Amino acid sequence: MQTEVLGITAFSPWSQLAWAKTMGLPFPLLSDFPNLTTIKAYDVETQMGSVTTAKRAYFIIDKSGVVRFKRIMHPFNPDAPFLTNQVLFEELQRINKGL
């Protein structure tokens, strides 16, 4: 199963680097700051007061750029649980069986 995990945030590269180090993330984060082009394209833009940011969302995209899995967490809640690795792994297995 050839996969790559990436995170995309609405924050500047400097702030997300500090956050990634604090969280010990084992995957790279990409900054969509300041224009939020990717966040808007995937329709996960949201407002937190006066700040425009992204909803927590999960996408599995194949090599052709087709979205095979999408889970957008509603409403935006920074305390909402993350999807587990097991859930994502099972979804990857299901997708790979169908390809």
Protein backbone atom coordinates (compact mmCIF):
# COMPACT_ATOMS: atom_id res chain seq x y z
CA MET A 1 0.00 0.00 0.00
CA GLN A 2 1.83 3.07 -1.23
CA THR A 3 0.57 6.03 0.73
CA GLU A 4 1.82 9.36 1.96
CA VAL A 5 0.35 11.35 4.84
CA LEU A 6 0.40 15.13 4.64
CA GLY A 7 -1.22 17.76 6.80
CA ILE A 8 -2.38 21.08 5.40
CA THR A 9 -3.03 24.02 7.69
CA ALA A 10 -4.22 27.61 7.37
CA PHE A 11 -1.31 28.80 9.50
CA SER A 12 2.06 30.28 8.60
CA PRO A 13 4.97 27.87 8.13
CA TRP A 14 6.62 29.15 11.32
CA SER A 15 3.64 28.63 13.61
CA GLN A 16 2.82 25.20 12.18
CA LEU A 17 6.45 24.11 12.53
CA ALA A 18 6.32 24.93 16.24
CA TRP A 19 2.95 23.16 16.59
CA ALA A 20 4.18 20.06 14.72
CA LYS A 21 7.24 19.84 16.98
CA THR A 22 5.10 20.23 20.11
CA MET A 23 2.68 17.53 18.91
CA GLY A 24 5.47 15.24 17.68
CA LEU A 25 3.75 14.76 14.32
CA PRO A 26 5.31 11.95 12.26
CA PHE A 27 4.25 13.51 8.94
CA PRO A 28 4.94 16.82 7.19
CA LEU A 29 2.62 19.81 7.41
CA LEU A 30 2.08 22.05 4.40
CA SER A 31 1.09 25.68 4.86
CA ASP A 32 -1.84 27.02 2.83
CA PHE A 33 -1.20 30.48 4.23
CA PRO A 34 -2.08 33.22 3.36
CA ASN A 35 -4.48 32.54 0.44
CA LEU A 36 -5.99 29.22 1.64
CA THR A 37 -6.19 28.00 -1.96
CA THR A 38 -6.26 24.29 -1.11
CA ILE A 39 -8.53 24.75 1.90
CA LYS A 40 -11.05 26.61 -0.26
CA ALA A 41 -10.78 24.06 -3.09
CA TYR A 42 -11.69 21.23 -0.69
CA ASP A 43 -14.49 23.31 0.88
CA VAL A 44 -13.19 23.15 4.44
CA GLU A 45 -12.80 26.89 5.06
CA THR A 46 -14.42 28.15 8.28
CA GLN A 47 -14.41 31.15 10.61
CA MET A 48 -13.30 31.16 14.23
CA GLY A 49 -14.22 34.65 15.32
CA SER A 50 -12.26 36.97 13.05
CA VAL A 51 -9.82 34.25 11.94
CA THR A 52 -10.32 32.26 8.76
CA THR A 53 -9.07 28.70 9.19
CA ALA A 54 -9.88 25.13 8.14
CA LYS A 55 -12.22 22.53 9.57
CA ARG A 56 -10.54 19.33 10.66
CA ALA A 57 -10.92 17.04 7.67
CA TYR A 58 -9.49 13.83 6.25
CA PHE A 59 -9.11 13.04 2.57
CA ILE A 60 -7.67 10.02 0.79
CA ILE A 61 -6.72 11.01 -2.74
CA ASP A 62 -5.45 8.53 -5.31
CA LYS A 63 -2.52 9.06 -7.68
CA SER A 64 -4.90 10.40 -10.33
CA GLY A 65 -6.14 13.10 -7.95
CA VAL A 66 -9.53 11.47 -7.34
CA VAL A 67 -10.89 11.89 -3.80
CA ARG A 68 -11.64 8.32 -2.62
CA PHE A 69 -12.50 9.15 0.99
CA LYS A 70 -13.58 12.34 2.72
CA ARG A 71 -14.53 12.99 6.33
CA ILE A 72 -15.12 16.59 7.41
CA MET A 73 -15.63 17.05 11.12
CA HIS A 74 -18.73 19.20 11.86
CA PRO A 75 -18.99 21.49 13.64
CA PHE A 76 -15.38 22.66 13.90
CA ASN A 77 -14.26 21.68 17.35
CA PRO A 78 -10.56 21.62 18.22
CA ASP A 79 -11.35 19.15 21.02
CA ALA A 80 -13.12 16.67 18.72
CA PRO A 81 -11.35 13.32 18.46
CA PHE A 82 -9.14 12.55 15.49
CA LEU A 83 -9.96 9.62 13.26
CA THR A 84 -7.91 6.67 14.42
CA ASN A 85 -5.12 5.16 12.36
CA GLN A 86 -7.17 1.96 12.31
CA VAL A 87 -10.14 3.68 10.66
CA LEU A 88 -7.92 5.27 8.02
CA PHE A 89 -5.99 2.03 7.42
CA GLU A 90 -9.23 0.08 6.92
CA GLU A 91 -10.44 2.70 4.47
CA LEU A 92 -7.16 2.47 2.54
CA GLN A 93 -7.52 -1.31 2.39
CA ARG A 94 -11.11 -0.99 1.14
CA ILE A 95 -10.08 1.50 -1.54
CA ASN A 96 -7.13 -0.62 -2.68
CA LYS A 97 -9.36 -3.70 -3.05
CA GLY A 98 -11.67 -1.72 -5.32
CA LEU A 99 -8.94 -0.38 -7.60
